[in-house]
N, C-alpha and C. Protein backbone atom coordinates (compact mmCIF):
# COMPACT_ATOMS: atom_id res chain seq x y z
N GLY A 1 -89.11 24.36 -93.48
CA GLY A 1 -90.14 23.60 -94.82
C GLY A 1 -89.53 22.49 -95.15
N LEU A 2 -90.21 21.94 -95.92
CA LEU A 2 -90.14 20.91 -95.93
C LEU A 2 -89.41 20.24 -97.69
N VAL A 3 -88.08 20.66 -97.64
CA VAL A 3 -87.36 20.95 -99.13
C VAL A 3 -86.38 19.86 -98.61
N GLY A 4 -86.15 18.67 -99.79
CA GLY A 4 -85.27 17.96 -99.53
C GLY A 4 -85.54 17.17 -101.08
N ILE A 5 -84.11 16.20 -101.17
CA ILE A 5 -84.03 15.36 -102.27
C ILE A 5 -83.06 13.96 -101.55
N ALA A 6 -83.19 12.97 -102.98
CA ALA A 6 -82.89 11.97 -102.76
C ALA A 6 -81.38 12.36 -102.84
N PRO A 7 -80.38 11.38 -102.65
CA PRO A 7 -78.92 11.41 -102.79
C PRO A 7 -78.79 11.29 -104.25
N PHE A 8 -77.63 12.43 -104.93
CA PHE A 8 -77.23 11.62 -105.76
C PHE A 8 -76.72 10.82 -106.57
N GLY A 9 -77.35 10.50 -107.65
CA GLY A 9 -76.40 9.25 -108.78
C GLY A 9 -75.14 8.85 -108.94
N LYS A 10 -74.42 8.11 -108.52
CA LYS A 10 -72.84 8.29 -109.54
C LYS A 10 -72.81 8.92 -110.65
N MET A 11 -73.80 8.84 -111.75
CA MET A 11 -73.73 9.18 -112.45
C MET A 11 -74.12 11.41 -112.95
N VAL A 12 -74.26 11.26 -112.11
CA VAL A 12 -74.87 12.81 -111.78
C VAL A 12 -73.84 13.61 -112.17
N PRO A 13 -73.61 14.76 -113.16
CA PRO A 13 -72.32 15.56 -113.15
C PRO A 13 -72.05 16.34 -112.07
N GLN A 14 -71.39 16.93 -111.82
CA GLN A 14 -71.48 18.06 -110.73
C GLN A 14 -72.04 19.66 -110.98
N ASP A 15 -71.78 19.85 -112.14
CA ASP A 15 -72.63 20.68 -112.71
C ASP A 15 -74.10 21.03 -112.24
N VAL A 16 -74.55 19.61 -112.57
CA VAL A 16 -75.86 19.92 -112.32
C VAL A 16 -76.37 19.31 -110.51
N ARG A 17 -75.56 18.28 -110.05
CA ARG A 17 -75.14 19.30 -108.49
C ARG A 17 -75.18 20.31 -108.23
N ASP A 18 -74.39 21.09 -108.76
CA ASP A 18 -74.30 22.26 -107.84
C ASP A 18 -75.50 23.03 -108.16
N ARG A 19 -76.27 23.08 -109.85
CA ARG A 19 -77.22 23.77 -109.74
C ARG A 19 -78.30 23.36 -109.02
N VAL A 20 -78.87 22.13 -109.14
CA VAL A 20 -79.76 21.86 -108.29
C VAL A 20 -79.65 22.15 -106.59
N ASN A 21 -78.61 21.94 -105.91
CA ASN A 21 -78.32 22.15 -105.40
C ASN A 21 -78.70 23.87 -104.93
N ALA A 22 -78.35 24.72 -105.52
CA ALA A 22 -78.66 26.47 -105.19
C ALA A 22 -79.99 26.78 -105.56
N ALA A 23 -80.64 25.85 -106.39
CA ALA A 23 -81.79 25.99 -106.38
C ALA A 23 -82.82 25.25 -105.10
N GLN A 24 -82.39 24.20 -104.38
CA GLN A 24 -82.65 24.35 -103.57
C GLN A 24 -82.17 24.98 -102.28
N GLU A 25 -81.45 25.81 -102.17
CA GLU A 25 -81.00 26.56 -101.20
C GLU A 25 -82.09 28.12 -101.45
N ASP A 26 -82.07 28.30 -102.95
CA ASP A 26 -83.03 29.62 -103.32
C ASP A 26 -84.93 29.24 -102.48
N ILE A 27 -84.93 27.57 -102.94
CA ILE A 27 -86.24 27.15 -102.42
C ILE A 27 -86.25 27.55 -100.93
N LYS A 28 -85.39 26.97 -99.91
CA LYS A 28 -85.55 27.46 -98.71
C LYS A 28 -85.40 29.24 -98.20
N ALA A 29 -84.73 29.57 -99.02
CA ALA A 29 -84.69 31.24 -98.76
C ALA A 29 -86.02 31.60 -99.15
N GLY A 30 -86.96 31.25 -100.11
CA GLY A 30 -87.90 32.27 -100.41
C GLY A 30 -87.29 32.71 -102.04
N LYS A 31 -86.59 32.49 -102.35
CA LYS A 31 -86.50 33.03 -103.72
C LYS A 31 -86.91 32.39 -104.83
N LEU A 32 -87.57 31.43 -105.03
CA LEU A 32 -87.57 30.59 -105.86
C LEU A 32 -88.87 29.92 -105.37
N THR A 33 -89.91 29.85 -105.64
CA THR A 33 -91.25 29.60 -106.00
C THR A 33 -91.35 28.57 -106.54
N VAL A 34 -91.88 27.14 -106.34
CA VAL A 34 -91.85 26.17 -107.39
C VAL A 34 -93.54 25.72 -108.07
N PHE A 35 -94.16 26.10 -106.88
CA PHE A 35 -95.90 25.97 -107.38
C PHE A 35 -96.14 27.22 -107.77
N ALA A 36 -95.63 28.00 -108.59
CA ALA A 36 -96.14 29.39 -108.85
C ALA A 36 -97.04 29.72 -110.20
N GLY A 37 -98.38 29.56 -110.09
CA GLY A 37 -99.20 29.21 -111.34
C GLY A 37 -98.59 30.05 -113.24
N PRO A 38 -99.29 29.46 -113.75
CA PRO A 38 -99.83 28.49 -113.74
C PRO A 38 -98.80 27.39 -113.36
N VAL A 39 -100.12 26.58 -112.66
CA VAL A 39 -99.33 25.24 -112.76
C VAL A 39 -101.11 23.97 -113.07
N ARG A 40 -100.46 23.22 -114.11
CA ARG A 40 -101.69 22.52 -114.10
C ARG A 40 -101.42 20.50 -113.74
N ASP A 41 -102.52 20.20 -113.57
CA ASP A 41 -102.07 18.89 -113.11
C ASP A 41 -102.02 17.82 -114.95
N GLN A 42 -101.88 16.51 -114.51
CA GLN A 42 -101.51 15.35 -115.31
C GLN A 42 -102.54 15.59 -116.48
N LYS A 43 -103.92 15.84 -115.92
CA LYS A 43 -104.97 16.30 -117.01
C LYS A 43 -105.17 17.07 -117.82
N GLY A 44 -104.11 18.19 -117.68
CA GLY A 44 -104.19 19.79 -118.38
C GLY A 44 -105.05 21.26 -117.49
N GLU A 45 -105.62 20.23 -116.03
CA GLU A 45 -106.79 21.08 -115.88
C GLU A 45 -105.29 22.03 -114.53
N VAL A 46 -105.99 23.18 -114.57
CA VAL A 46 -104.99 24.26 -114.28
C VAL A 46 -105.97 23.98 -112.79
N ARG A 47 -104.27 23.83 -111.73
CA ARG A 47 -104.74 23.66 -110.29
C ARG A 47 -104.16 25.21 -109.40
N VAL A 48 -102.93 25.57 -110.44
CA VAL A 48 -102.81 27.00 -109.50
C VAL A 48 -102.67 27.83 -110.44
N PRO A 49 -103.82 28.95 -111.10
CA PRO A 49 -103.56 29.87 -111.43
C PRO A 49 -102.55 30.76 -111.90
N GLU A 50 -102.50 31.31 -113.00
CA GLU A 50 -101.61 32.56 -113.24
C GLU A 50 -102.08 33.77 -112.31
N GLY A 51 -100.20 34.07 -111.62
CA GLY A 51 -100.48 35.11 -110.64
C GLY A 51 -100.78 34.79 -109.50
N GLN A 52 -100.67 32.83 -109.14
CA GLN A 52 -101.12 32.41 -107.66
C GLN A 52 -99.94 31.71 -106.87
N VAL A 53 -99.93 31.53 -105.64
CA VAL A 53 -98.92 30.54 -105.36
C VAL A 53 -99.89 29.39 -104.31
N ALA A 54 -99.43 28.40 -104.62
CA ALA A 54 -100.18 27.14 -103.95
C ALA A 54 -99.98 27.43 -102.67
N PRO A 55 -100.86 27.59 -101.34
CA PRO A 55 -100.53 27.75 -100.33
C PRO A 55 -99.68 26.20 -99.49
N ASP A 56 -98.97 26.58 -98.26
CA ASP A 56 -98.71 25.12 -98.09
C ASP A 56 -99.38 24.08 -97.97
N GLN A 57 -100.36 24.64 -97.09
CA GLN A 57 -101.25 23.83 -96.82
C GLN A 57 -102.18 22.64 -98.08
N ASP A 58 -102.69 23.48 -98.96
CA ASP A 58 -102.71 22.66 -100.51
C ASP A 58 -101.58 22.39 -100.83
N LEU A 59 -100.09 22.36 -100.72
CA LEU A 59 -99.03 21.21 -101.42
C LEU A 59 -99.18 20.20 -100.06
N LEU A 60 -99.28 20.64 -98.80
CA LEU A 60 -99.40 18.97 -98.09
C LEU A 60 -100.16 17.96 -97.85
N SER A 61 -101.59 18.44 -98.74
CA SER A 61 -102.64 17.12 -99.29
C SER A 61 -102.73 17.23 -100.50
N MET A 62 -101.86 17.43 -101.37
CA MET A 62 -101.58 17.64 -102.84
C MET A 62 -101.89 15.66 -103.42
N ASP A 63 -103.43 15.83 -103.92
CA ASP A 63 -103.46 14.34 -104.41
C ASP A 63 -103.38 14.05 -106.21
N TRP A 64 -102.53 15.09 -106.43
CA TRP A 64 -102.31 15.16 -107.80
C TRP A 64 -101.19 15.04 -107.95
N PHE A 65 -100.57 14.59 -109.69
CA PHE A 65 -99.48 14.91 -109.89
C PHE A 65 -99.17 16.35 -111.10
N VAL A 66 -98.23 16.83 -111.05
CA VAL A 66 -98.49 18.13 -112.27
C VAL A 66 -97.79 17.29 -113.67
N GLU A 67 -98.42 18.35 -114.68
CA GLU A 67 -98.60 17.70 -115.79
C GLU A 67 -96.95 17.25 -116.19
N GLY A 68 -97.24 16.23 -117.06
CA GLY A 68 -95.76 15.72 -117.34
C GLY A 68 -95.41 14.56 -117.14
N VAL A 69 -95.80 14.44 -115.41
CA VAL A 69 -95.65 13.01 -114.50
C VAL A 69 -96.08 11.93 -114.96
N ILE A 70 -95.47 10.90 -114.81
CA ILE A 70 -96.71 9.63 -115.27
C ILE A 70 -96.42 8.47 -113.71
N GLY A 71 -97.98 8.22 -113.62
CA GLY A 71 -98.13 7.45 -112.53
C GLY A 71 -99.62 8.31 -112.36
N THR A 72 -100.21 7.08 -110.76
CA THR A 72 -100.89 7.76 -110.09
C THR A 72 -100.78 7.98 -108.72
N THR A 73 -101.46 8.57 -107.99
CA THR A 73 -101.67 8.75 -106.52
C THR A 73 -102.20 7.82 -105.85
N GLU A 74 -103.13 6.57 -106.83
CA GLU A 74 -103.83 5.75 -105.90
C GLU A 74 -103.08 4.21 -105.88
């Protein structure tokens, strides 16, 4: 899979690191699905409907950010 994050900064407390690392392991093990609906894009449009999970192929070709992310893909 494509699960990974950048190294933690010095200011990140150990308890946060532990929770993030545990979540990362759950994602790898298939226990936690990040893109389970409903997922909306920055414009509020539903990209993954309630009860569905975004297929890997869709994730690999995403050209949008989820709701709350600031920035553009261009």
